[in-house]
C-alpha cells in the first residue's frame, strides 16, 4: 500500500493550486497542451514497458524504440491531417480581389 508523507501531500497541494490558478487565468489553453504532453509521455512509458517485457532489452534501447515509434506515429498523424486540410482548401472556391490604388 502506498503511504503519503507531509512533503508529498504539500507538493500535491501546490501542484493542484497551480493548476487551479492557471485554469482561472487568461492562459487556460496551456492546460490542454500539458494534458496532451502527459498523455504522449504516458504512451511512451507504456510502449517502453511493453518493449522491455517482450524483447528483454535494456531500458535505454526500450526508450529509444518507444520514442521512435511514437515520433513516427506523430508524423503520420500530422501528415494525414495536412492532407485532409489541403483537400478541404482545394475544394473551396476562392475569390480573387484586385487591389484598388488611389492615383492621388
PDB file of N, CA and C in Angstrom:
ATOM      1  N   UNK A   1       0.838  -1.174   0.000  1.00  0.00           N
ATOM      2  CA  UNK A   1       0.000   0.000   0.000  1.00  0.00           C
ATOM      3  C   UNK A   1       0.885   1.240   0.000  1.00  0.00           C
ATOM      4  N   UNK A   2       0.433   2.268  -0.705  1.00  0.00           N
ATOM      5  CA  UNK A   2       1.201   3.500  -0.779  1.00  0.00           C
ATOM      6  C   UNK A   2       0.963   4.340   0.465  1.00  0.00           C
ATOM      7  N   UNK A   3       2.019   4.979   0.935  1.00  0.00           N
ATOM      8  CA  UNK A   3       1.883   5.897   2.063  1.00  0.00           C
ATOM      9  C   UNK A   3       2.277   7.285   1.602  1.00  0.00           C
ATOM     10  N   UNK A   4       1.643   8.279   2.164  1.00  0.00           N
ATOM     11  CA  UNK A   4       1.932   9.668   1.806  1.00  0.00           C
ATOM     12  C   UNK A   4       2.494  10.378   3.032  1.00  0.00           C
ATOM     13  N   UNK A   5       3.601  11.028   2.842  1.00  0.00           N
ATOM     14  CA  UNK A   5       4.147  11.817   3.933  1.00  0.00           C
ATOM     15  C   UNK A   5       3.772  13.281   3.728  1.00  0.00           C
ATOM     16  N   UNK A   6       4.169  14.105   4.659  1.00  0.00           N
ATOM     17  CA  UNK A   6       3.765  15.514   4.635  1.00  0.00           C
ATOM     18  C   UNK A   6       4.304  16.227   3.397  1.00  0.00           C
ATOM     19  N   UNK A   7       5.543  15.959   3.011  1.00  0.00           N
ATOM     20  CA  UNK A   7       6.136  16.637   1.858  1.00  0.00           C
ATOM     21  C   UNK A   7       5.396  16.280   0.569  1.00  0.00           C
ATOM     22  N   UNK A   8       4.990  15.024   0.449  1.00  0.00           N
ATOM     23  CA  UNK A   8       4.268  14.609  -0.748  1.00  0.00           C
ATOM     24  C   UNK A   8       2.887  15.273  -0.810  1.00  0.00           C
ATOM     25  N   UNK A   9       2.202  15.336   0.318  1.00  0.00           N
ATOM     26  CA  UNK A   9       0.892  15.990   0.343  1.00  0.00           C
ATOM     27  C   UNK A   9       1.016  17.488   0.074  1.00  0.00           C
ATOM     28  N   UNK A  10       2.066  18.112   0.612  1.00  0.00           N
ATOM     29  CA  UNK A  10       2.290  19.540   0.374  1.00  0.00           C
ATOM     30  C   UNK A  10       2.597  19.796  -1.104  1.00  0.00           C
ATOM     31  N   UNK A  11       3.421  18.946  -1.706  1.00  0.00           N
ATOM     32  CA  UNK A  11       3.728  19.087  -3.127  1.00  0.00           C
ATOM     33  C   UNK A  11       2.492  18.921  -3.996  1.00  0.00           C
ATOM     34  N   UNK A  12       1.658  17.937  -3.684  1.00  0.00           N
ATOM     35  CA  UNK A  12       0.421  17.735  -4.443  1.00  0.00           C
ATOM     36  C   UNK A  12      -0.516  18.932  -4.282  1.00  0.00           C
ATOM     37  N   UNK A  13      -0.562  19.502  -3.081  1.00  0.00           N
ATOM     38  CA  UNK A  13      -1.408  20.688  -2.860  1.00  0.00           C
ATOM     39  C   UNK A  13      -0.894  21.870  -3.674  1.00  0.00           C
ATOM     40  N   UNK A  14       0.433  22.034  -3.758  1.00  0.00           N
ATOM     41  CA  UNK A  14       0.998  23.127  -4.562  1.00  0.00           C
ATOM     42  C   UNK A  14       0.692  22.931  -6.045  1.00  0.00           C
ATOM     43  N   UNK A  15       0.791  21.703  -6.515  1.00  0.00           N
ATOM     44  CA  UNK A  15       0.502  21.425  -7.927  1.00  0.00           C
ATOM     45  C   UNK A  15      -0.968  21.681  -8.234  1.00  0.00           C
ATOM     46  N   UNK A  16      -1.855  21.248  -7.346  1.00  0.00           N
ATOM     47  CA  UNK A  16      -3.289  21.481  -7.565  1.00  0.00           C
ATOM     48  C   UNK A  16      -3.615  22.975  -7.526  1.00  0.00           C
ATOM     49  N   UNK A  17      -2.980  23.703  -6.611  1.00  0.00           N
ATOM     50  CA  UNK A  17      -3.187  25.149  -6.538  1.00  0.00           C
ATOM     51  C   UNK A  17      -2.727  25.818  -7.828  1.00  0.00           C
ATOM     52  N   UNK A  18      -1.567  25.412  -8.340  1.00  0.00           N
ATOM     53  CA  UNK A  18      -1.065  25.987  -9.588  1.00  0.00           C
ATOM     54  C   UNK A  18      -2.003  25.672 -10.752  1.00  0.00           C
ATOM     55  N   UNK A  19      -2.524  24.450 -10.812  1.00  0.00           N
ATOM     56  CA  UNK A  19      -3.448  24.091 -11.891  1.00  0.00           C
ATOM     57  C   UNK A  19      -4.733  24.910 -11.831  1.00  0.00           C
ATOM     58  N   UNK A  20      -5.249  25.112 -10.630  1.00  0.00           N
ATOM     59  CA  UNK A  20      -6.465  25.918 -10.478  1.00  0.00           C
ATOM     60  C   UNK A  20      -6.196  27.364 -10.869  1.00  0.00           C
ATOM     61  N   UNK A  21      -5.031  27.880 -10.477  1.00  0.00           N
ATOM     62  CA  UNK A  21      -4.696  29.263 -10.830  1.00  0.00           C
ATOM     63  C   UNK A  21      -4.562  29.425 -12.343  1.00  0.00           C
ATOM     64  N   UNK A  22      -3.948  28.459 -13.013  1.00  0.00           N
ATOM     65  CA  UNK A  22      -3.822  28.537 -14.472  1.00  0.00           C
ATOM     66  C   UNK A  22      -5.196  28.403 -15.122  1.00  0.00           C
ATOM     67  N   UNK A  23      -6.069  27.567 -14.558  1.00  0.00           N
ATOM     68  CA  UNK A  23      -7.405  27.387 -15.127  1.00  0.00           C
ATOM     69  C   UNK A  23      -8.191  28.690 -15.119  1.00  0.00           C
ATOM     70  N   UNK A  24      -8.041  29.492 -14.084  1.00  0.00           N
ATOM     71  CA  UNK A  24      -8.788  30.746 -13.997  1.00  0.00           C
ATOM     72  C   UNK A  24      -8.019  31.935 -14.559  1.00  0.00           C
ATOM     73  N   UNK A  25      -6.892  31.708 -15.194  1.00  0.00           N
ATOM     74  CA  UNK A  25      -6.106  32.794 -15.787  1.00  0.00           C
ATOM     75  C   UNK A  25      -6.409  32.879 -17.282  1.00  0.00           C
ATOM     76  N   UNK A  26      -5.887  33.915 -17.941  1.00  0.00           N
ATOM     77  CA  UNK A  26      -6.082  34.002 -19.396  1.00  0.00           C
ATOM     78  C   UNK A  26      -5.287  32.966 -20.184  1.00  0.00           C
ATOM     79  N   UNK A  27      -4.410  32.203 -19.532  1.00  0.00           N
ATOM     80  CA  UNK A  27      -3.584  31.213 -20.212  1.00  0.00           C
ATOM     81  C   UNK A  27      -4.156  29.802 -20.070  1.00  0.00           C
ATOM     82  N   UNK A  28      -5.453  29.698 -20.031  1.00  0.00           N
ATOM     83  CA  UNK A  28      -6.137  28.422 -19.825  1.00  0.00           C
ATOM     84  C   UNK A  28      -5.830  27.408 -20.923  1.00  0.00           C
ATOM     85  N   UNK A  29      -5.577  27.879 -22.156  1.00  0.00           N
ATOM     86  CA  UNK A  29      -5.341  26.950 -23.262  1.00  0.00           C
ATOM     87  C   UNK A  29      -4.085  26.124 -23.049  1.00  0.00           C
ATOM     88  N   UNK A  30      -3.158  26.558 -22.201  1.00  0.00           N
ATOM     89  CA  UNK A  30      -1.936  25.802 -21.958  1.00  0.00           C
ATOM     90  C   UNK A  30      -2.207  24.512 -21.185  1.00  0.00           C
ATOM     91  N   UNK A  31      -3.331  24.448 -20.487  1.00  0.00           N
ATOM     92  CA  UNK A  31      -3.671  23.202 -19.790  1.00  0.00           C
ATOM     93  C   UNK A  31      -3.900  22.063 -20.786  1.00  0.00           C
ATOM     94  N   UNK A  32      -4.460  22.379 -21.935  1.00  0.00           N
ATOM     95  CA  UNK A  32      -4.655  21.368 -22.968  1.00  0.00           C
ATOM     96  C   UNK A  32      -3.332  20.824 -23.480  1.00  0.00           C
ATOM     97  N   UNK A  33      -2.355  21.714 -23.669  1.00  0.00           N
ATOM     98  CA  UNK A  33      -1.038  21.267 -24.105  1.00  0.00           C
ATOM     99  C   UNK A  33      -0.378  20.403 -23.036  1.00  0.00           C
ATOM    100  N   UNK A  34      -0.580  20.771 -21.772  1.00  0.00           N
ATOM    101  CA  UNK A  34       0.007  20.000 -20.682  1.00  0.00           C
ATOM    102  C   UNK A  34      -0.606  18.598 -20.629  1.00  0.00           C
ATOM    103  N   UNK A  35      -1.910  18.518 -20.761  1.00  0.00           N
ATOM    104  CA  UNK A  35      -2.585  17.216 -20.729  1.00  0.00           C
ATOM    105  C   UNK A  35      -2.160  16.373 -21.933  1.00  0.00           C
ATOM    106  N   UNK A  36      -2.053  17.006 -23.107  1.00  0.00           N
ATOM    107  CA  UNK A  36      -1.617  16.266 -24.291  1.00  0.00           C
ATOM    108  C   UNK A  36      -0.191  15.749 -24.110  1.00  0.00           C
ATOM    109  N   UNK A  37       0.672  16.549 -23.523  1.00  0.00           N
ATOM    110  CA  UNK A  37       2.036  16.104 -23.263  1.00  0.00           C
ATOM    111  C   UNK A  37       2.088  14.953 -22.277  1.00  0.00           C
ATOM    112  N   UNK A  38       1.251  15.010 -21.244  1.00  0.00           N
ATOM    113  CA  UNK A  38       1.224  13.918 -20.275  1.00  0.00           C
ATOM    114  C   UNK A  38       0.703  12.637 -20.917  1.00  0.00           C
ATOM    115  N   UNK A  39      -0.303  12.742 -21.780  1.00  0.00           N
ATOM    116  CA  UNK A  39      -0.816  11.564 -22.476  1.00  0.00           C
ATOM    117  C   UNK A  39       0.239  10.980 -23.411  1.00  0.00           C
ATOM    118  N   UNK A  40       0.961  11.862 -24.103  1.00  0.00           N
ATOM    119  CA  UNK A  40       2.008  11.393 -25.006  1.00  0.00           C
ATOM    120  C   UNK A  40       3.103  10.673 -24.221  1.00  0.00           C
ATOM    121  N   UNK A  41       3.556  11.275 -23.120  1.00  0.00           N
ATOM    122  CA  UNK A  41       4.625  10.652 -22.346  1.00  0.00           C
ATOM    123  C   UNK A  41       4.133   9.360 -21.679  1.00  0.00           C
ATOM    124  N   UNK A  42       2.887   9.328 -21.261  1.00  0.00           N
ATOM    125  CA  UNK A  42       2.331   8.096 -20.717  1.00  0.00           C
ATOM    126  C   UNK A  42       2.323   6.988 -21.759  1.00  0.00           C
ATOM    127  N   UNK A  43       2.012   7.343 -22.999  1.00  0.00           N
ATOM    128  CA  UNK A  43       2.039   6.353 -24.081  1.00  0.00           C
ATOM    129  C   UNK A  43       3.456   5.855 -24.335  1.00  0.00           C
ATOM    130  N   UNK A  44       4.436   6.764 -24.266  1.00  0.00           N
ATOM    131  CA  UNK A  44       5.831   6.355 -24.434  1.00  0.00           C
ATOM    132  C   UNK A  44       6.227   5.381 -23.327  1.00  0.00           C
ATOM    133  N   UNK A  45       5.829   5.670 -22.090  1.00  0.00           N
ATOM    134  CA  UNK A  45       6.170   4.795 -20.967  1.00  0.00           C
ATOM    135  C   UNK A  45       5.524   3.412 -21.109  1.00  0.00           C
ATOM    136  N   UNK A  46       4.271   3.374 -21.517  1.00  0.00           N
ATOM    137  CA  UNK A  46       3.584   2.095 -21.697  1.00  0.00           C
ATOM    138  C   UNK A  46       4.263   1.287 -22.798  1.00  0.00           C
ATOM    139  N   UNK A  47       4.586   1.952 -23.910  1.00  0.00           N
ATOM    140  CA  UNK A  47       5.259   1.264 -25.005  1.00  0.00           C
ATOM    141  C   UNK A  47       6.645   0.788 -24.582  1.00  0.00           C
ATOM    142  N   UNK A  48       7.348   1.582 -23.772  1.00  0.00           N
ATOM    143  CA  UNK A  48       8.663   1.177 -23.269  1.00  0.00           C
ATOM    144  C   UNK A  48       8.561  -0.076 -22.414  1.00  0.00           C
ATOM    145  N   UNK A  49       7.564  -0.102 -21.531  1.00  0.00           N
ATOM    146  CA  UNK A  49       7.381  -1.276 -20.689  1.00  0.00           C
ATOM    147  C   UNK A  49       7.067  -2.529 -21.518  1.00  0.00           C
ATOM    148  N   UNK A  50       6.243  -2.367 -22.536  1.00  0.00           N
ATOM    149  CA  UNK A  50       5.904  -3.493 -23.403  1.00  0.00           C
ATOM    150  C   UNK A  50       7.145  -3.990 -24.136  1.00  0.00           C
ATOM    151  N   UNK A  51       7.942  -3.052 -24.669  1.00  0.00           N
ATOM    152  CA  UNK A  51       9.156  -3.443 -25.391  1.00  0.00           C
ATOM    153  C   UNK A  51      10.137  -4.127 -24.450  1.00  0.00           C
ATOM    154  N   UNK A  52      10.271  -3.595 -23.238  1.00  0.00           N
ATOM    155  CA  UNK A  52      11.186  -4.216 -22.267  1.00  0.00           C
ATOM    156  C   UNK A  52      10.751  -5.627 -21.912  1.00  0.00           C
ATOM    157  N   UNK A  53       9.460  -5.831 -21.724  1.00  0.00           N
ATOM    158  CA  UNK A  53       8.971  -7.147 -21.332  1.00  0.00           C
ATOM    159  C   UNK A  53       9.043  -8.161 -22.474  1.00  0.00           C
ATOM    160  N   UNK A  54       8.700  -7.719 -23.668  1.00  0.00           N
ATOM    161  CA  UNK A  54       8.664  -8.660 -24.797  1.00  0.00           C
ATOM    162  C   UNK A  54      10.064  -8.955 -25.320  1.00  0.00           C
ATOM    163  N   UNK A  55      10.853  -7.907 -25.547  1.00  0.00           N
ATOM    164  CA  UNK A  55      12.151  -8.098 -26.184  1.00  0.00           C
ATOM    165  C   UNK A  55      13.284  -8.299 -25.184  1.00  0.00           C
ATOM    166  N   UNK A  56      13.028  -8.070 -23.908  1.00  0.00           N
ATOM    167  CA  UNK A  56      14.057  -8.183 -22.870  1.00  0.00           C
ATOM    168  C   UNK A  56      15.255  -7.280 -23.158  1.00  0.00           C
ATOM    169  N   UNK A  57      14.962  -6.064 -23.618  1.00  0.00           N
ATOM    170  CA  UNK A  57      16.016  -5.099 -23.904  1.00  0.00           C
ATOM    171  C   UNK A  57      16.318  -4.275 -22.675  1.00  0.00           C
ATOM    172  N   UNK A  58      17.445  -3.570 -22.727  1.00  0.00           N
ATOM    173  CA  UNK A  58      17.786  -2.636 -21.656  1.00  0.00           C
ATOM    174  C   UNK A  58      16.849  -1.428 -21.740  1.00  0.00           C
ATOM    175  N   UNK A  59      16.818  -0.677 -20.657  1.00  0.00           N
ATOM    176  CA  UNK A  59      15.899   0.467 -20.580  1.00  0.00           C
ATOM    177  C   UNK A  59      16.194   1.508 -21.652  1.00  0.00           C
ATOM    178  N   UNK A  60      17.469   1.791 -21.899  1.00  0.00           N
ATOM    179  CA  UNK A  60      17.826   2.798 -22.897  1.00  0.00           C
ATOM    180  C   UNK A  60      17.317   2.414 -24.284  1.00  0.00           C
ATOM    181  N   UNK A  61      17.528   1.163 -24.685  1.00  0.00           N
ATOM    182  CA  UNK A  61      17.072   0.727 -26.003  1.00  0.00           C
ATOM    183  C   UNK A  61      15.546   0.701 -26.074  1.00  0.00           C
ATOM    184  N   UNK A  62      14.906   0.368 -24.981  1.00  0.00           N
ATOM    185  CA  UNK A  62      13.443   0.370 -24.970  1.00  0.00           C
ATOM    186  C   UNK A  62      12.910   1.797 -25.100  1.00  0.00           C
ATOM    187  N   UNK A  63      13.548   2.761 -24.402  1.00  0.00           N
ATOM    188  CA  UNK A  63      13.134   4.162 -24.539  1.00  0.00           C
ATOM    189  C   UNK A  63      13.350   4.660 -25.970  1.00  0.00           C
ATOM    190  N   UNK A  64      14.494   4.345 -26.552  1.00  0.00           N
ATOM    191  CA  UNK A  64      14.762   4.786 -27.926  1.00  0.00           C
ATOM    192  C   UNK A  64      13.753   4.204 -28.899  1.00  0.00           C
ATOM    193  N   UNK A  65      13.427   2.945 -28.730  1.00  0.00           N
ATOM    194  CA  UNK A  65      12.448   2.308 -29.607  1.00  0.00           C
ATOM    195  C   UNK A  65      11.058   2.921 -29.415  1.00  0.00           C
ATOM    196  N   UNK A  66      10.650   3.086 -28.161  1.00  0.00           N
ATOM    197  CA  UNK A  66       9.325   3.649 -27.890  1.00  0.00           C
ATOM    198  C   UNK A  66       9.216   5.082 -28.412  1.00  0.00           C
ATOM    199  N   UNK A  67      10.253   5.877 -28.192  1.00  0.00           N
ATOM    200  CA  UNK A  67      10.231   7.262 -28.671  1.00  0.00           C
ATOM    201  C   UNK A  67      10.201   7.304 -30.196  1.00  0.00           C
ATOM    202  N   UNK A  68      10.977   6.441 -30.840  1.00  0.00           N
ATOM    203  CA  UNK A  68      10.987   6.405 -32.309  1.00  0.00           C
ATOM    204  C   UNK A  68       9.626   6.008 -32.861  1.00  0.00           C
ATOM    205  N   UNK A  69       9.018   4.998 -32.273  1.00  0.00           N
ATOM    206  CA  UNK A  69       7.695   4.560 -32.738  1.00  0.00           C
ATOM    207  C   UNK A  69       6.664   5.672 -32.546  1.00  0.00           C
ATOM    208  N   UNK A  70       6.716   6.346 -31.398  1.00  0.00           N
ATOM    209  CA  UNK A  70       5.757   7.421 -31.144  1.00  0.00           C
ATOM    210  C   UNK A  70       5.975   8.604 -32.093  1.00  0.00           C
ATOM    211  N   UNK A  71       7.225   8.920 -32.404  1.00  0.00           N
ATOM    212  CA  UNK A  71       7.501  10.020 -33.327  1.00  0.00           C
ATOM    213  C   UNK A  71       7.043   9.684 -34.746  1.00  0.00           C
ATOM    214  N   UNK A  72       7.259   8.455 -35.168  1.00  0.00           N
ATOM    215  CA  UNK A  72       6.768   8.045 -36.490  1.00  0.00           C
ATOM    216  C   UNK A  72       5.246   8.127 -36.522  1.00  0.00           C
ATOM    217  N   UNK A  73       4.596   7.699 -35.457  1.00  0.00           N
ATOM    218  CA  UNK A  73       3.139   7.809 -35.383  1.00  0.00           C
ATOM    219  C   UNK A  73       2.663   9.252 -35.397  1.00  0.00           C
ATOM    220  N   UNK A  74       3.372  10.116 -34.680  1.00  0.00           N
ATOM    221  CA  UNK A  74       3.010  11.535 -34.654  1.00  0.00           C
ATOM    222  C   UNK A  74       3.192  12.171 -36.025  1.00  0.00           C
ATOM    223  N   UNK A  75       4.274  11.826 -36.713  1.00  0.00           N
ATOM    224  CA  UNK A  75       4.497  12.352 -38.065  1.00  0.00           C
ATOM    225  C   UNK A  75       3.394  11.878 -38.996  1.00  0.00           C
ATOM    226  N   UNK A  76       3.000  10.609 -38.881  1.00  0.00           N
ATOM    227  CA  UNK A  76       1.913  10.088 -39.721  1.00  0.00           C
ATOM    228  C   UNK A  76       0.610  10.848 -39.474  1.00  0.00           C
ATOM    229  N   UNK A  77       0.281  11.077 -38.213  1.00  0.00           N
ATOM    230  CA  UNK A  77      -0.957  11.794 -37.879  1.00  0.00           C
ATOM    231  C   UNK A  77      -0.908  13.219 -38.432  1.00  0.00           C
ATOM    232  N   UNK A  78       0.219  13.899 -38.274  1.00  0.00           N
ATOM    233  CA  UNK A  78       0.323  15.271 -38.775  1.00  0.00           C
ATOM    234  C   UNK A  78       0.255  15.327 -40.299  1.00  0.00           C
ATOM    235  N   UNK A  79       0.895  14.386 -40.979  1.00  0.00           N
ATOM    236  CA  UNK A  79       0.811  14.358 -42.444  1.00  0.00           C
ATOM    237  C   UNK A  79      -0.603  14.049 -42.911  1.00  0.00           C
ATOM    238  N   UNK A  80      -1.285  13.183 -42.208  1.00  0.00           N
ATOM    239  CA  UNK A  80      -2.678  12.851 -42.552  1.00  0.00           C
ATOM    240  C   UNK A  80      -3.589  14.076 -42.364  1.00  0.00           C
ATOM    241  N   UNK A  81      -3.418  14.780 -41.239  1.00  0.00           N
ATOM    242  CA  UNK A  81      -4.211  15.988 -41.015  1.00  0.00           C
ATOM    243  C   UNK A  81      -3.916  17.056 -42.064  1.00  0.00           C
ATOM    244  N   UNK A  82      -2.653  17.159 -42.484  1.00  0.00           N
ATOM    245  CA  UNK A  82      -2.292  18.123 -43.514  1.00  0.00           C
ATOM    246  C   UNK A  82      -2.939  17.762 -44.846  1.00  0.00           C
ATOM    247  N   UNK A  83      -2.973  16.473 -45.173  1.00  0.00           N
ATOM    248  CA  UNK A  83      -3.604  16.059 -46.429  1.00  0.00           C
ATOM    249  C   UNK A  83      -5.100  16.361 -46.421  1.00  0.00           C
ATOM    250  N   UNK A  84      -5.743  16.140 -45.296  1.00  0.00           N
ATOM    251  CA  UNK A  84      -7.176  16.446 -45.186  1.00  0.00           C
ATOM    252  C   UNK A  84      -7.398  17.953 -45.321  1.00  0.00           C
ATOM    253  N   UNK A  85      -6.553  18.741 -44.686  1.00  0.00           N
ATOM    254  CA  UNK A  85      -6.681  20.203 -44.781  1.00  0.00           C
ATOM    255  C   UNK A  85      -6.424  20.688 -46.198  1.00  0.00           C
ATOM    256  N   UNK A  86      -5.436  20.110 -46.870  1.00  0.00           N
ATOM    257  CA  UNK A  86      -5.160  20.505 -48.261  1.00  0.00           C
ATOM    258  C   UNK A  86      -6.332  20.154 -49.167  1.00  0.00           C
ATOM    259  N   UNK A  87      -6.966  19.012 -48.929  1.00  0.00           N
ATOM    260  CA  UNK A  87      -8.138  18.621 -49.712  1.00  0.00           C
ATOM    261  C   UNK A  87      -9.284  19.606 -49.479  1.00  0.00           C
ATOM    262  N   UNK A  88      -9.449  20.035 -48.232  1.00  0.00           N
ATOM    263  CA  UNK A  88     -10.512  20.996 -47.912  1.00  0.00           C
ATOM    264  C   UNK A  88     -10.251  22.340 -48.575  1.00  0.00           C
ATOM    265  N   UNK A  89      -8.998  22.792 -48.539  1.00  0.00           N
ATOM    266  CA  UNK A  89      -8.659  24.081 -49.140  1.00  0.00           C
ATOM    267  C   UNK A  89      -8.799  24.033 -50.652  1.00  0.00           C
ATOM    268  N   UNK A  90      -8.437  22.932 -51.267  1.00  0.00           N
ATOM    269  CA  UNK A  90      -8.514  22.851 -52.730  1.00  0.00           C
ATOM    270  C   UNK A  90      -9.959  22.798 -53.221  1.00  0.00           C
ATOM    271  N   UNK A  91     -10.894  22.369 -52.398  1.00  0.00           N
ATOM    272  CA  UNK A  91     -12.299  22.306 -52.805  1.00  0.00           C
ATOM    273  C   UNK A  91     -13.016  23.642 -52.640  1.00  0.00           C
ATOM    274  N   UNK A  92     -12.402  24.583 -51.951  1.00  0.00           N
ATOM    275  CA  UNK A  92     -13.045  25.893 -51.784  1.00  0.00           C
ATOM    276  C   UNK A  92     -12.941  26.696 -53.069  1.00  0.00           C
ATOM    277  N   UNK A  93     -13.959  27.506 -53.303  1.00  0.00           N
ATOM    278  CA  UNK A  93     -13.870  28.432 -54.438  1.00  0.00           C
ATOM    279  C   UNK A  93     -13.436  29.782 -53.878  1.00  0.00           C
ATOM    280  N   UNK A  94     -12.215  30.148 -54.203  1.00  0.00           N
ATOM    281  CA  UNK A  94     -11.656  31.387 -53.681  1.00  0.00           C
ATOM    282  C   UNK A  94     -11.941  32.525 -54.642  1.00  0.00           C
ATOM    283  N   UNK A  95     -12.207  33.681 -54.097  1.00  0.00           N
ATOM    284  CA  UNK A  95     -12.464  34.866 -54.902  1.00  0.00           C
ATOM    285  C   UNK A  95     -11.209  35.725 -54.880  1.00  0.00           C
ATOM    286  N   UNK A  96     -10.707  36.029 -56.074  1.00  0.00           N
ATOM    287  CA  UNK A  96      -9.528  36.878 -56.147  1.00  0.00           C
ATOM    288  C   UNK A  96      -9.968  38.326 -56.211  1.00  0.00           C
ATOM    289  N   UNK A  97      -9.271  39.128 -55.463  1.00  0.00           N
ATOM    290  CA  UNK A  97      -9.580  40.554 -55.439  1.00  0.00           C
ATOM    291  C   UNK A  97      -8.440  41.328 -56.086  1.00  0.00           C
ATOM    292  N   UNK A  98      -8.810  42.309 -56.883  1.00  0.00           N
ATOM    293  CA  UNK A  98      -7.776  43.159 -57.447  1.00  0.00           C
ATOM    294  C   UNK A  98      -7.585  44.357 -56.534  1.00  0.00           C
ATOM    295  N   UNK A  99      -6.345  44.666 -56.244  1.00  0.00           N
ATOM    296  CA  UNK A  99      -6.122  45.803 -55.354  1.00  0.00           C
ATOM    297  C   UNK A  99      -6.557  47.106 -56.016  1.00  0.00           C
ATOM    298  N   UNK A 100      -7.077  47.997 -55.221  1.00  0.00           N
ATOM    299  CA  UNK A 100      -7.513  49.294 -55.708  1.00  0.00           C
ATOM    300  C   UNK A 100      -6.486  50.313 -55.247  1.00  0.00           C
ATOM    301  N   UNK A 101      -5.958  51.063 -56.225  1.00  0.00           N
ATOM    302  CA  UNK A 101      -4.940  52.073 -55.898  1.00  0.00           C
ATOM    303  C   UNK A 101      -5.531  53.449 -56.136  1.00  0.00           C
ATOM    304  N   UNK A 102      -5.236  54.356 -55.209  1.00  0.00           N
ATOM    305  CA  UNK A 102      -5.623  55.757 -55.407  1.00  0.00           C
ATOM    306  C   UNK A 102      -4.542  56.454 -56.215  1.00  0.00           C
ATOM    307  N   UNK A 103      -4.968  57.170 -57.255  1.00  0.00           N
ATOM    308  CA  UNK A 103      -3.994  57.849 -58.115  1.00  0.00           C
ATOM    309  C   UNK A 103      -3.661  59.241 -57.617  1.00  0.00           C
ATOM    310  N   UNK A 104      -4.058  59.571 -56.453  1.00  0.00           N
ATOM    311  CA  UNK A 104      -3.819  60.922 -55.947  1.00  0.00           C
ATOM    312  C   UNK A 104      -2.395  61.119 -55.530  1.00  0.00           C
TER     313      UNK A 104
END
